Amino acid sequence: MLKKKLKKILILTLASFFFVLGLAGLVLPVLQGWLFLAISALLFSMYSPRLRAWMDKHTIKYPNLHRFVGKANDWTTKVFGAPEV
C-alpha cells in the first residue's frame, strides 16, 4: 500500500517538475518547452483517464505521432510499472 502511494507521489512529482520546466521553456529560448510539456502530459496521463483519452483522440489523426505516444506510454509503464488508479 505504501509502495503504491510512494510510486504515485513520485510520478506526479516528476510530472509537475517537467510541467514547470516546460512553462519556463516556453519563455526561455534555451529550453525546449514543448518537449518538457509533452513528457509532463505523458506522466500525468498515467493517472488521468480523461487526459489519456484526450491524447488518444488528438493524436489518432497523425499515425506516426500516435504510434510514438503509444511506445512512450509502453516505456513509462515498463519503467514505473502499471499505475493503480
Protein backbone atom coordinates (compact mmCIF):
# COMPACT_ATOMS: atom_id res chain seq x y z
CA MET A 1 0.00 0.00 0.00
CA LEU A 2 2.75 2.44 0.95
CA LYS A 3 4.74 1.44 -2.14
CA LYS A 4 1.77 2.27 -4.41
CA LYS A 5 1.31 5.68 -2.81
CA LEU A 6 5.02 6.40 -2.97
CA LYS A 7 5.10 5.46 -6.67
CA LYS A 8 2.11 7.70 -7.39
CA ILE A 9 3.70 10.60 -5.49
CA LEU A 10 6.97 10.11 -7.36
CA ILE A 11 5.32 10.07 -10.79
CA LEU A 12 3.11 13.08 -10.08
CA THR A 13 6.09 14.99 -8.65
CA LEU A 14 8.12 14.25 -11.78
CA ALA A 15 5.19 15.29 -13.96
CA SER A 16 4.84 18.55 -12.03
CA PHE A 17 8.57 19.20 -12.30
CA PHE A 18 8.52 18.68 -16.07
CA PHE A 19 5.42 20.88 -16.34
CA VAL A 20 7.15 23.77 -14.56
CA LEU A 21 10.26 23.20 -16.67
CA GLY A 22 8.08 23.24 -19.79
CA LEU A 23 6.45 26.52 -18.80
CA ALA A 24 9.89 28.01 -18.20
CA GLY A 25 10.97 26.64 -21.57
CA LEU A 26 8.16 28.49 -23.30
CA VAL A 27 9.67 31.76 -22.08
CA LEU A 28 13.39 30.96 -22.11
CA PRO A 29 14.96 30.43 -25.53
CA VAL A 30 17.47 27.87 -24.20
CA LEU A 31 14.93 25.21 -23.14
CA GLN A 32 12.60 23.28 -25.41
CA GLY A 33 9.33 23.94 -23.58
CA TRP A 34 7.10 21.77 -25.75
CA LEU A 35 9.26 18.70 -25.09
CA PHE A 36 9.00 19.02 -21.32
CA LEU A 37 5.26 19.70 -21.57
CA ALA A 38 4.86 16.53 -23.65
CA ILE A 39 6.76 14.48 -21.06
CA SER A 40 4.64 16.02 -18.33
CA ALA A 41 1.41 15.20 -20.19
CA LEU A 42 2.54 11.61 -20.68
CA LEU A 43 3.30 11.20 -16.97
CA PHE A 44 0.07 12.89 -15.88
CA SER A 45 -1.90 10.67 -18.28
CA MET A 46 -0.82 7.61 -16.32
CA TYR A 47 -3.23 8.69 -13.56
CA SER A 48 -5.78 10.68 -15.55
CA PRO A 49 -8.02 8.64 -17.85
CA ARG A 50 -9.54 11.87 -19.25
CA LEU A 51 -6.11 13.20 -20.27
CA ARG A 52 -5.20 9.82 -21.77
CA ALA A 53 -8.46 9.80 -23.79
CA TRP A 54 -7.77 13.37 -24.95
CA MET A 55 -4.26 12.44 -26.06
CA ASP A 56 -5.57 9.40 -27.96
CA LYS A 57 -8.32 11.45 -29.62
CA HIS A 58 -5.95 14.18 -30.78
CA THR A 59 -3.03 12.01 -31.89
CA ILE A 60 -5.06 9.43 -33.83
CA LYS A 61 -5.14 11.89 -36.77
CA TYR A 62 -1.36 11.56 -37.05
CA PRO A 63 -0.43 7.85 -37.16
CA ASN A 64 3.31 8.38 -36.56
CA LEU A 65 2.67 10.60 -33.54
CA HIS A 66 0.03 8.20 -32.21
CA ARG A 67 2.44 5.29 -32.56
CA PHE A 68 5.18 7.29 -30.80
CA VAL A 69 2.84 8.19 -27.92
CA GLY A 70 1.88 4.53 -27.60
CA LYS A 71 5.54 3.47 -27.48
CA ALA A 72 6.32 6.20 -24.93
CA ASN A 73 3.39 5.03 -22.82
CA ASP A 74 4.62 1.43 -23.01
CA TRP A 75 8.11 2.57 -21.98
CA THR A 76 6.87 4.55 -18.98
CA THR A 77 4.74 1.59 -17.93
CA LYS A 78 7.81 -0.66 -18.19
CA VAL A 79 9.96 1.75 -16.16
CA PHE A 80 7.42 2.78 -13.50
CA GLY A 81 5.04 -0.15 -13.64
CA ALA A 82 1.35 -0.06 -14.36
CA PRO A 83 -0.46 2.70 -12.45
CA GLU A 84 -3.06 1.77 -9.87
CA VAL A 85 -5.79 4.32 -10.42
